[in-house]
Amino acid sequence: MAETGDAGRLPTSLDVLASDVHSRLEFHRYAFMDCVGIKNALHCVIEERENLQQRQNAIDQLVAEKDSLTKKNEELAAELESLKEQLQARESSDQQQGSGFQQSHSGMAHPRLMPKRKRQSGDEDVDEHELMEDLSVIDNPDQVLNTELEATRKEISDIHSKLIEVWLFSVDISYSKHSHHTM
């Protein structure tokens, strides 16, 4: 009977062992599923970090461009201010010089007079027409000044237009930077 008693215990031990193996398999299956979930979450975090890094690089580049444009804008504004001061100085100098003013603001002789003066010094037979032109320019210094004033105004207008373009561009970059932050 000892054999029948041992045989009765054997299936119960096998059942316990099978149940233990089954519970361990379930534990490892759940652990494996947790590992796969963690791996997928980690992969998503890595992708998001790369996207954020790309966005940050783009923002840094836009900030650098904005700083460059701001610096250029400041330089153009300083140049514009300098030109305004030069123009004011020329205008006040013109008022002080009076009607006998024969040179331009830069201190050089008027360009129309220079070639003729060279010819006069080298050739005594200067025709009367050239002399009359020289005299009309000398007699009318306001015309020379008006021409130079008009050229200076055009130059200031061009610089002003460039400043507006740069400013509008920097505002556009600032707006696009702001809209990227809100996304």
N, C-alpha and C. Protein backbone atom coordinates (compact mmCIF):
# COMPACT_ATOMS: atom_id res chain seq x y z
N MET A 1 0.77 -1.17 0.00
CA MET A 1 0.00 0.00 0.00
C MET A 1 0.83 1.26 0.00
N ALA A 2 2.02 1.04 0.34
CA ALA A 2 2.90 2.18 0.32
C ALA A 2 3.00 2.75 -1.06
N GLU A 3 2.85 1.88 -2.03
CA GLU A 3 2.92 2.35 -3.39
C GLU A 3 1.71 3.17 -3.77
N THR A 4 0.55 2.75 -3.32
CA THR A 4 -0.64 3.53 -3.65
C THR A 4 -0.63 4.86 -2.93
N GLY A 5 -0.07 4.94 -1.73
CA GLY A 5 -0.01 6.19 -1.01
C GLY A 5 0.92 7.17 -1.69
N ASP A 6 2.05 6.65 -2.20
CA ASP A 6 2.98 7.52 -2.91
C ASP A 6 2.37 8.00 -4.23
N ALA A 7 1.62 7.16 -4.85
CA ALA A 7 1.01 7.51 -6.13
C ALA A 7 -0.04 8.58 -5.93
N GLY A 8 -0.70 8.63 -4.78
CA GLY A 8 -1.72 9.62 -4.51
C GLY A 8 -1.12 10.99 -4.24
N ARG A 9 0.06 10.99 -3.69
CA ARG A 9 0.70 12.27 -3.42
C ARG A 9 1.37 12.86 -4.65
N LEU A 10 1.76 12.06 -5.55
CA LEU A 10 2.49 12.49 -6.73
C LEU A 10 1.67 13.45 -7.59
N PRO A 11 0.43 13.19 -7.92
CA PRO A 11 -0.31 14.14 -8.74
C PRO A 11 -0.52 15.47 -8.01
N THR A 12 -0.67 15.43 -6.72
CA THR A 12 -0.88 16.67 -6.00
C THR A 12 0.41 17.50 -6.05
N SER A 13 1.56 16.90 -5.93
CA SER A 13 2.83 17.60 -6.04
C SER A 13 3.02 18.15 -7.45
N LEU A 14 2.64 17.41 -8.45
CA LEU A 14 2.74 17.86 -9.83
C LEU A 14 1.80 19.05 -10.09
N ASP A 15 0.62 18.96 -9.48
CA ASP A 15 -0.34 20.05 -9.65
C ASP A 15 0.20 21.34 -9.01
N VAL A 16 0.82 21.19 -7.83
CA VAL A 16 1.39 22.35 -7.15
C VAL A 16 2.55 22.91 -7.97
N LEU A 17 3.39 22.00 -8.47
CA LEU A 17 4.53 22.41 -9.28
C LEU A 17 4.06 23.08 -10.58
N ALA A 18 3.06 22.51 -11.23
CA ALA A 18 2.52 23.08 -12.46
C ALA A 18 1.90 24.46 -12.19
N SER A 19 1.20 24.57 -11.09
CA SER A 19 0.60 25.85 -10.72
C SER A 19 1.69 26.89 -10.45
N ASP A 20 2.76 26.46 -9.77
CA ASP A 20 3.87 27.38 -9.49
C ASP A 20 4.54 27.83 -10.78
N VAL A 21 4.78 26.91 -11.73
CA VAL A 21 5.40 27.24 -13.02
C VAL A 21 4.48 28.20 -13.79
N HIS A 22 3.17 27.88 -13.77
CA HIS A 22 2.21 28.73 -14.48
C HIS A 22 2.21 30.15 -13.90
N SER A 23 2.22 30.31 -12.58
CA SER A 23 2.21 31.64 -11.97
C SER A 23 3.51 32.39 -12.28
N ARG A 24 4.62 31.69 -12.31
CA ARG A 24 5.88 32.34 -12.66
C ARG A 24 5.90 32.78 -14.12
N LEU A 25 5.35 31.95 -14.99
CA LEU A 25 5.26 32.34 -16.41
C LEU A 25 4.40 33.60 -16.56
N GLU A 26 3.30 33.65 -15.86
CA GLU A 26 2.43 34.83 -15.90
C GLU A 26 3.16 36.06 -15.38
N PHE A 27 3.91 35.88 -14.29
CA PHE A 27 4.68 37.01 -13.73
C PHE A 27 5.68 37.53 -14.77
N HIS A 28 6.40 36.63 -15.43
CA HIS A 28 7.40 37.03 -16.43
C HIS A 28 6.74 37.64 -17.67
N ARG A 29 5.56 37.13 -18.04
CA ARG A 29 4.84 37.70 -19.18
C ARG A 29 4.44 39.15 -18.87
N TYR A 30 3.92 39.39 -17.68
CA TYR A 30 3.55 40.76 -17.30
C TYR A 30 4.80 41.67 -17.21
N ALA A 31 5.88 41.12 -16.69
CA ALA A 31 7.13 41.89 -16.61
C ALA A 31 7.63 42.24 -18.01
N PHE A 32 7.53 41.27 -18.94
CA PHE A 32 7.95 41.53 -20.33
C PHE A 32 7.07 42.61 -20.96
N MET A 33 5.77 42.55 -20.71
CA MET A 33 4.85 43.55 -21.27
C MET A 33 5.17 44.94 -20.68
N ASP A 34 5.51 44.98 -19.39
CA ASP A 34 5.91 46.25 -18.77
C ASP A 34 7.19 46.79 -19.42
N CYS A 35 8.15 45.91 -19.69
CA CYS A 35 9.41 46.33 -20.33
C CYS A 35 9.14 46.88 -21.73
N VAL A 36 8.28 46.22 -22.49
CA VAL A 36 7.94 46.71 -23.84
C VAL A 36 7.26 48.08 -23.74
N GLY A 37 6.36 48.26 -22.78
CA GLY A 37 5.70 49.55 -22.59
C GLY A 37 6.69 50.64 -22.21
N ILE A 38 7.62 50.31 -21.32
CA ILE A 38 8.64 51.28 -20.92
C ILE A 38 9.54 51.62 -22.10
N LYS A 39 9.91 50.62 -22.90
CA LYS A 39 10.74 50.86 -24.08
C LYS A 39 10.03 51.80 -25.06
N ASN A 40 8.76 51.55 -25.32
CA ASN A 40 8.00 52.41 -26.23
C ASN A 40 7.88 53.83 -25.69
N ALA A 41 7.64 53.97 -24.39
CA ALA A 41 7.54 55.30 -23.79
C ALA A 41 8.88 56.03 -23.88
N LEU A 42 9.96 55.31 -23.63
CA LEU A 42 11.29 55.90 -23.71
C LEU A 42 11.59 56.35 -25.14
N HIS A 43 11.21 55.54 -26.12
CA HIS A 43 11.41 55.91 -27.53
C HIS A 43 10.63 57.20 -27.85
N CYS A 44 9.41 57.32 -27.37
CA CYS A 44 8.61 58.54 -27.60
C CYS A 44 9.26 59.75 -26.93
N VAL A 45 9.80 59.58 -25.73
CA VAL A 45 10.47 60.67 -25.03
C VAL A 45 11.71 61.12 -25.80
N ILE A 46 12.47 60.16 -26.33
CA ILE A 46 13.67 60.49 -27.12
C ILE A 46 13.29 61.27 -28.37
N GLU A 47 12.25 60.84 -29.07
CA GLU A 47 11.80 61.54 -30.27
C GLU A 47 11.34 62.97 -29.93
N GLU A 48 10.60 63.11 -28.85
CA GLU A 48 10.12 64.43 -28.44
C GLU A 48 11.30 65.34 -28.07
N ARG A 49 12.31 64.78 -27.40
CA ARG A 49 13.49 65.56 -27.05
C ARG A 49 14.21 66.03 -28.30
N GLU A 50 14.32 65.17 -29.32
CA GLU A 50 14.96 65.57 -30.58
C GLU A 50 14.16 66.68 -31.27
N ASN A 51 12.83 66.55 -31.26
CA ASN A 51 11.98 67.60 -31.85
C ASN A 51 12.16 68.93 -31.11
N LEU A 52 12.19 68.87 -29.79
CA LEU A 52 12.39 70.09 -29.01
C LEU A 52 13.76 70.69 -29.27
N GLN A 53 14.77 69.86 -29.43
CA GLN A 53 16.12 70.36 -29.72
C GLN A 53 16.15 71.05 -31.09
N GLN A 54 15.48 70.46 -32.08
CA GLN A 54 15.42 71.08 -33.40
C GLN A 54 14.70 72.43 -33.32
N ARG A 55 13.61 72.48 -32.58
CA ARG A 55 12.89 73.74 -32.41
C ARG A 55 13.76 74.78 -31.72
N GLN A 56 14.48 74.35 -30.69
CA GLN A 56 15.35 75.27 -29.97
C GLN A 56 16.46 75.80 -30.88
N ASN A 57 17.02 74.92 -31.72
CA ASN A 57 18.05 75.36 -32.67
C ASN A 57 17.47 76.39 -33.65
N ALA A 58 16.25 76.14 -34.13
CA ALA A 58 15.61 77.08 -35.04
C ALA A 58 15.37 78.42 -34.34
N ILE A 59 14.93 78.37 -33.10
CA ILE A 59 14.70 79.60 -32.34
C ILE A 59 16.01 80.34 -32.12
N ASP A 60 17.06 79.61 -31.77
CA ASP A 60 18.37 80.24 -31.57
C ASP A 60 18.84 80.92 -32.85
N GLN A 61 18.63 80.25 -33.99
CA GLN A 61 19.03 80.82 -35.27
C GLN A 61 18.23 82.10 -35.55
N LEU A 62 16.93 82.07 -35.29
CA LEU A 62 16.09 83.25 -35.51
C LEU A 62 16.50 84.40 -34.58
N VAL A 63 16.84 84.06 -33.35
CA VAL A 63 17.29 85.10 -32.41
C VAL A 63 18.59 85.72 -32.90
N ALA A 64 19.51 84.86 -33.40
CA ALA A 64 20.78 85.38 -33.93
C ALA A 64 20.53 86.28 -35.13
N GLU A 65 19.62 85.88 -36.01
CA GLU A 65 19.29 86.70 -37.18
C GLU A 65 18.65 88.02 -36.72
N LYS A 66 17.77 87.94 -35.73
CA LYS A 66 17.12 89.16 -35.22
C LYS A 66 18.17 90.09 -34.63
N ASP A 67 19.10 89.53 -33.85
CA ASP A 67 20.15 90.36 -33.27
C ASP A 67 21.00 91.01 -34.35
N SER A 68 21.30 90.23 -35.40
CA SER A 68 22.08 90.77 -36.51
C SER A 68 21.32 91.90 -37.20
N LEU A 69 20.03 91.68 -37.44
CA LEU A 69 19.22 92.71 -38.09
C LEU A 69 19.06 93.94 -37.18
N THR A 70 18.94 93.70 -35.88
CA THR A 70 18.82 94.82 -34.95
C THR A 70 20.10 95.65 -34.98
N LYS A 71 21.24 94.95 -34.99
CA LYS A 71 22.52 95.66 -35.04
C LYS A 71 22.64 96.45 -36.35
N LYS A 72 22.25 95.82 -37.45
CA LYS A 72 22.31 96.50 -38.75
C LYS A 72 21.35 97.70 -38.75
N ASN A 73 20.19 97.51 -38.16
CA ASN A 73 19.21 98.60 -38.06
C ASN A 73 19.78 99.76 -37.26
N GLU A 74 20.45 99.44 -36.14
CA GLU A 74 21.07 100.49 -35.33
C GLU A 74 22.17 101.20 -36.10
N GLU A 75 22.97 100.43 -36.86
CA GLU A 75 24.02 101.04 -37.66
C GLU A 75 23.43 101.96 -38.72
N LEU A 76 22.35 101.50 -39.37
CA LEU A 76 21.70 102.33 -40.38
C LEU A 76 21.07 103.58 -39.75
N ALA A 77 20.51 103.41 -38.56
CA ALA A 77 19.93 104.57 -37.87
C ALA A 77 21.03 105.57 -37.52
N ALA A 78 22.18 105.05 -37.05
CA ALA A 78 23.30 105.95 -36.74
C ALA A 78 23.80 106.64 -38.00
N GLU A 79 23.87 105.89 -39.10
CA GLU A 79 24.31 106.48 -40.36
C GLU A 79 23.31 107.54 -40.83
N LEU A 80 22.03 107.25 -40.67
CA LEU A 80 21.00 108.21 -41.04
C LEU A 80 21.11 109.48 -40.19
N GLU A 81 21.33 109.30 -38.90
CA GLU A 81 21.49 110.44 -38.00
C GLU A 81 22.71 111.26 -38.40
N SER A 82 23.79 110.56 -38.73
CA SER A 82 25.01 111.25 -39.16
C SER A 82 24.76 112.04 -40.44
N LEU A 83 24.04 111.43 -41.38
CA LEU A 83 23.72 112.14 -42.62
C LEU A 83 22.84 113.36 -42.36
N LYS A 84 21.91 113.20 -41.42
CA LYS A 84 21.05 114.35 -41.08
C LYS A 84 21.91 115.47 -40.49
N GLU A 85 22.84 115.10 -39.61
CA GLU A 85 23.71 116.12 -39.02
C GLU A 85 24.58 116.79 -40.08
N GLN A 86 25.09 115.98 -41.03
CA GLN A 86 25.90 116.55 -42.11
C GLN A 86 25.07 117.50 -42.95
N LEU A 87 23.84 117.10 -43.22
CA LEU A 87 22.96 117.95 -44.02
C LEU A 87 22.67 119.25 -43.29
N GLN A 88 22.40 119.17 -42.00
CA GLN A 88 22.15 120.38 -41.23
C GLN A 88 23.39 121.27 -41.20
N ALA A 89 24.56 120.64 -41.06
CA ALA A 89 25.80 121.41 -41.04
C ALA A 89 26.01 122.08 -42.39
N ARG A 90 25.73 121.38 -43.46
CA ARG A 90 25.88 121.97 -44.80
C ARG A 90 24.90 123.11 -44.99
N GLU A 91 23.67 122.90 -44.55
CA GLU A 91 22.69 123.97 -44.72
C GLU A 91 23.08 125.21 -43.92
N SER A 92 23.55 125.00 -42.70
CA SER A 92 23.97 126.17 -41.91
C SER A 92 25.23 126.79 -42.50
N SER A 93 26.11 125.98 -43.06
CA SER A 93 27.31 126.50 -43.71
C SER A 93 26.92 127.29 -44.96
N ASP A 94 25.93 126.79 -45.69
CA ASP A 94 25.46 127.50 -46.88
C ASP A 94 24.89 128.86 -46.50
N GLN A 95 24.17 128.91 -45.43
CA GLN A 95 23.58 130.17 -45.00
C GLN A 95 24.66 131.15 -44.56
N GLN A 96 25.73 130.63 -43.96
CA GLN A 96 26.82 131.49 -43.52
C GLN A 96 27.67 131.97 -44.69
N GLN A 97 27.85 131.13 -45.71
CA GLN A 97 28.72 131.46 -46.84
C GLN A 97 28.14 132.59 -47.69
N GLY A 98 26.83 132.63 -47.82
CA GLY A 98 26.22 133.69 -48.62
C GLY A 98 26.20 133.32 -50.09
N SER A 99 25.96 134.31 -50.96
CA SER A 99 25.78 134.05 -52.38
C SER A 99 27.09 133.84 -53.12
N GLY A 100 28.23 134.15 -52.54
CA GLY A 100 29.51 133.98 -53.22
C GLY A 100 30.08 132.57 -53.06
N PHE A 101 29.32 131.68 -52.57
CA PHE A 101 29.78 130.31 -52.32
C PHE A 101 30.03 129.61 -53.64
N GLN A 102 31.27 129.17 -53.90
CA GLN A 102 31.60 128.58 -55.19
C GLN A 102 31.99 127.11 -55.08
N GLN A 103 32.03 126.60 -53.88
CA GLN A 103 32.43 125.20 -53.73
C GLN A 103 31.28 124.41 -53.14
N SER A 104 31.31 123.10 -53.35
CA SER A 104 30.28 122.23 -52.80
C SER A 104 30.53 122.04 -51.32
N HIS A 105 29.66 121.32 -50.66
CA HIS A 105 29.75 121.12 -49.21
C HIS A 105 30.98 120.33 -48.81
N SER A 106 31.47 119.51 -49.67
CA SER A 106 32.62 118.69 -49.30
C SER A 106 33.92 119.47 -49.38
N GLY A 107 33.88 120.69 -49.86
CA GLY A 107 35.07 121.52 -49.92
C GLY A 107 35.76 121.45 -51.26
N MET A 108 35.22 120.69 -52.20
CA MET A 108 35.84 120.58 -53.53
C MET A 108 35.10 121.51 -54.48
N ALA A 109 35.77 121.88 -55.55
CA ALA A 109 35.15 122.75 -56.55
C ALA A 109 34.02 121.98 -57.22
N HIS A 110 33.05 122.71 -57.72
CA HIS A 110 31.93 122.09 -58.39
C HIS A 110 32.43 121.28 -59.59
N PRO A 111 31.89 120.07 -59.79
CA PRO A 111 32.39 119.21 -60.87
C PRO A 111 32.28 119.83 -62.25
N ARG A 112 31.26 120.63 -62.50
CA ARG A 112 31.12 121.24 -63.83
C ARG A 112 32.23 122.26 -64.08
N LEU A 113 32.76 122.85 -63.02
CA LEU A 113 33.78 123.87 -63.19
C LEU A 113 35.18 123.27 -63.36
N MET A 114 35.42 122.13 -62.77
CA MET A 114 36.77 121.59 -62.75
C MET A 114 37.35 121.29 -64.13
N PRO A 115 36.65 120.58 -65.02
CA PRO A 115 37.26 120.31 -66.32
C PRO A 115 37.53 121.58 -67.10
N LYS A 116 36.66 122.56 -67.00
CA LYS A 116 36.84 123.79 -67.76
C LYS A 116 38.00 124.60 -67.20
N ARG A 117 38.17 124.59 -65.91
CA ARG A 117 39.30 125.31 -65.31
C ARG A 117 40.61 124.68 -65.75
N LYS A 118 40.63 123.38 -65.85
CA LYS A 118 41.85 122.72 -66.31
C LYS A 118 42.14 123.14 -67.75
N ARG A 119 41.10 123.18 -68.54
CA ARG A 119 41.30 123.57 -69.93
C ARG A 119 41.72 125.03 -70.02
N GLN A 120 41.18 125.87 -69.13
CA GLN A 120 41.53 127.28 -69.17
C GLN A 120 43.00 127.48 -68.84
N SER A 121 43.49 126.72 -67.88
CA SER A 121 44.88 126.92 -67.49
C SER A 121 45.83 126.40 -68.56
N GLY A 122 45.41 125.42 -69.36
CA GLY A 122 46.30 124.87 -70.38
C GLY A 122 46.11 125.49 -71.74
N ASP A 123 44.97 126.12 -71.96
CA ASP A 123 44.67 126.64 -73.30
C ASP A 123 44.04 128.01 -73.15
N GLU A 124 44.66 129.03 -73.72
CA GLU A 124 44.17 130.39 -73.59
C GLU A 124 42.98 130.66 -74.49
N ASP A 125 42.77 129.84 -75.52
CA ASP A 125 41.66 130.05 -76.44
C ASP A 125 40.42 129.28 -75.99
N VAL A 126 39.87 129.65 -74.89
CA VAL A 126 38.65 129.01 -74.41
C VAL A 126 37.50 129.76 -75.06
N ASP A 127 36.56 129.02 -75.62
CA ASP A 127 35.49 129.74 -76.32
C ASP A 127 34.55 130.41 -75.33
N GLU A 128 33.84 131.35 -75.86
CA GLU A 128 32.98 132.21 -75.06
C GLU A 128 31.84 131.44 -74.40
N HIS A 129 31.37 130.40 -75.06
CA HIS A 129 30.26 129.60 -74.53
C HIS A 129 30.65 128.93 -73.20
N GLU A 130 31.83 128.36 -73.15
CA GLU A 130 32.30 127.71 -71.93
C GLU A 130 32.45 128.72 -70.80
N LEU A 131 32.94 129.90 -71.13
CA LEU A 131 33.08 130.93 -70.11
C LEU A 131 31.71 131.36 -69.56
N MET A 132 30.72 131.43 -70.43
CA MET A 132 29.38 131.83 -70.00
C MET A 132 28.80 130.76 -69.06
N GLU A 133 29.05 129.47 -69.36
CA GLU A 133 28.56 128.40 -68.48
C GLU A 133 29.22 128.51 -67.12
N ASP A 134 30.54 128.74 -67.12
CA ASP A 134 31.25 128.89 -65.85
C ASP A 134 30.67 130.05 -65.04
N LEU A 135 30.43 131.15 -65.70
CA LEU A 135 29.90 132.32 -65.01
C LEU A 135 28.49 132.09 -64.49
N SER A 136 27.67 131.35 -65.25
CA SER A 136 26.30 131.10 -64.80
C SER A 136 26.30 130.22 -63.55
N VAL A 137 27.24 129.27 -63.48
CA VAL A 137 27.33 128.42 -62.29
C VAL A 137 27.83 129.24 -61.11
N ILE A 138 28.81 130.11 -61.36
CA ILE A 138 29.35 130.94 -60.28
C ILE A 138 28.30 131.94 -59.82
N ASP A 139 27.55 132.52 -60.77
CA ASP A 139 26.54 133.50 -60.41
C ASP A 139 25.34 132.87 -59.70
N ASN A 140 25.12 131.57 -59.90
CA ASN A 140 23.95 130.92 -59.31
C ASN A 140 24.39 129.75 -58.43
N PRO A 141 25.00 130.04 -57.27
CA PRO A 141 25.46 128.95 -56.40
C PRO A 141 24.28 128.18 -55.78
N ASP A 142 23.12 128.82 -55.73
CA ASP A 142 21.96 128.14 -55.18
C ASP A 142 21.59 126.92 -56.02
N GLN A 143 21.79 127.01 -57.33
CA GLN A 143 21.48 125.87 -58.20
C GLN A 143 22.37 124.69 -57.84
N VAL A 144 23.64 124.94 -57.59
CA VAL A 144 24.57 123.88 -57.21
C VAL A 144 24.14 123.28 -55.87
N LEU A 145 23.81 124.15 -54.94
CA LEU A 145 23.40 123.69 -53.63
C LEU A 145 22.09 122.90 -53.70
N ASN A 146 21.16 123.39 -54.53
CA ASN A 146 19.90 122.68 -54.67
C ASN A 146 20.10 121.29 -55.25
N THR A 147 21.00 121.17 -56.21
CA THR A 147 21.29 119.87 -56.81
C THR A 147 21.87 118.92 -55.76
N GLU A 148 22.83 119.43 -54.99
CA GLU A 148 23.44 118.61 -53.94
C GLU A 148 22.43 118.29 -52.84
N LEU A 149 21.59 119.23 -52.50
CA LEU A 149 20.56 119.00 -51.49
C LEU A 149 19.60 117.92 -51.96
N GLU A 150 19.21 117.97 -53.20
CA GLU A 150 18.30 116.97 -53.76
C GLU A 150 18.94 115.58 -53.73
N ALA A 151 20.22 115.50 -54.07
CA ALA A 151 20.92 114.21 -54.04
C ALA A 151 21.00 113.68 -52.61
N THR A 152 21.26 114.55 -51.66
CA THR A 152 21.34 114.14 -50.25
C THR A 152 19.97 113.68 -49.77
N ARG A 153 18.93 114.38 -50.15
CA ARG A 153 17.57 113.98 -49.76
C ARG A 153 17.22 112.61 -50.33
N LYS A 154 17.60 112.35 -51.56
CA LYS A 154 17.34 111.05 -52.16
C LYS A 154 18.09 109.96 -51.41
N GLU A 155 19.34 110.23 -51.05
CA GLU A 155 20.14 109.26 -50.30
C GLU A 155 19.50 108.98 -48.94
N ILE A 156 19.03 110.01 -48.26
CA ILE A 156 18.38 109.83 -46.96
C ILE A 156 17.08 109.05 -47.14
N SER A 157 16.35 109.32 -48.18
CA SER A 157 15.11 108.60 -48.45
C SER A 157 15.39 107.12 -48.69
N ASP A 158 16.45 106.81 -49.44
CA ASP A 158 16.82 105.41 -49.67
C ASP A 158 17.17 104.72 -48.38
N ILE A 159 17.94 105.38 -47.54
CA ILE A 159 18.33 104.80 -46.25
C ILE A 159 17.09 104.60 -45.37
N HIS A 160 16.19 105.58 -45.40
CA HIS A 160 14.96 105.48 -44.63
C HIS A 160 14.15 104.27 -45.08
N SER A 161 14.05 104.05 -46.39
CA SER A 161 13.32 102.90 -46.92
C SER A 161 13.97 101.60 -46.46
N LYS A 162 15.29 101.55 -46.50
CA LYS A 162 16.00 100.35 -46.05
C LYS A 162 15.74 100.09 -44.56
N LEU A 163 15.74 101.13 -43.76
CA LEU A 163 15.47 100.99 -42.34
C LEU A 163 14.07 100.43 -42.10
N ILE A 164 13.12 100.92 -42.86
CA ILE A 164 11.75 100.42 -42.71
C ILE A 164 11.69 98.95 -43.09
N GLU A 165 12.35 98.55 -44.18
CA GLU A 165 12.37 97.15 -44.59
C GLU A 165 12.98 96.27 -43.51
N VAL A 166 14.10 96.69 -42.96
CA VAL A 166 14.77 95.90 -41.91
C VAL A 166 13.88 95.81 -40.68
N TRP A 167 13.24 96.92 -40.34
CA TRP A 167 12.38 96.90 -39.17
C TRP A 167 11.20 95.96 -39.38
N LEU A 168 10.56 96.02 -40.55
CA LEU A 168 9.45 95.14 -40.84
C LEU A 168 9.88 93.68 -40.83
N PHE A 169 11.07 93.41 -41.34
CA PHE A 169 11.58 92.04 -41.34
C PHE A 169 11.81 91.55 -39.92
N SER A 170 12.36 92.42 -39.07
CA SER A 170 12.62 92.01 -37.68
C SER A 170 11.30 91.82 -36.94
N VAL A 171 10.28 92.62 -37.24
CA VAL A 171 8.98 92.44 -36.61
C VAL A 171 8.39 91.12 -37.06
N ASP A 172 8.54 90.77 -38.32
CA ASP A 172 8.02 89.51 -38.85
C ASP A 172 8.70 88.33 -38.17
N ILE A 173 10.02 88.41 -37.98
CA ILE A 173 10.75 87.34 -37.30
C ILE A 173 10.28 87.23 -35.86
N SER A 174 10.09 88.37 -35.21
CA SER A 174 9.63 88.37 -33.83
C SER A 174 8.25 87.74 -33.73
N TYR A 175 7.38 88.05 -34.68
CA TYR A 175 6.04 87.49 -34.68
C TYR A 175 6.09 85.99 -34.90
N SER A 176 6.90 85.53 -35.87
CA SER A 176 6.98 84.10 -36.14
C SER A 176 7.61 83.37 -34.96
N LYS A 177 8.54 84.01 -34.25
CA LYS A 177 9.15 83.41 -33.07
C LYS A 177 8.08 83.25 -32.00
N HIS A 178 7.26 84.28 -31.83
CA HIS A 178 6.21 84.23 -30.82
C HIS A 178 5.21 83.13 -31.16
N SER A 179 4.84 82.98 -32.42
CA SER A 179 3.86 81.96 -32.80
C SER A 179 4.43 80.56 -32.64
N HIS A 180 5.78 80.39 -32.78
CA HIS A 180 6.38 79.08 -32.54
C HIS A 180 6.32 78.71 -31.06
N HIS A 181 6.45 79.71 -30.19
CA HIS A 181 6.41 79.44 -28.75
C HIS A 181 5.01 79.01 -28.31
N THR A 182 3.98 79.55 -28.95
CA THR A 182 2.63 79.23 -28.55
C THR A 182 2.18 77.88 -29.05
N MET A 183 2.89 77.30 -30.01
CA MET A 183 2.53 75.98 -30.53
C MET A 183 2.91 74.99 -29.50
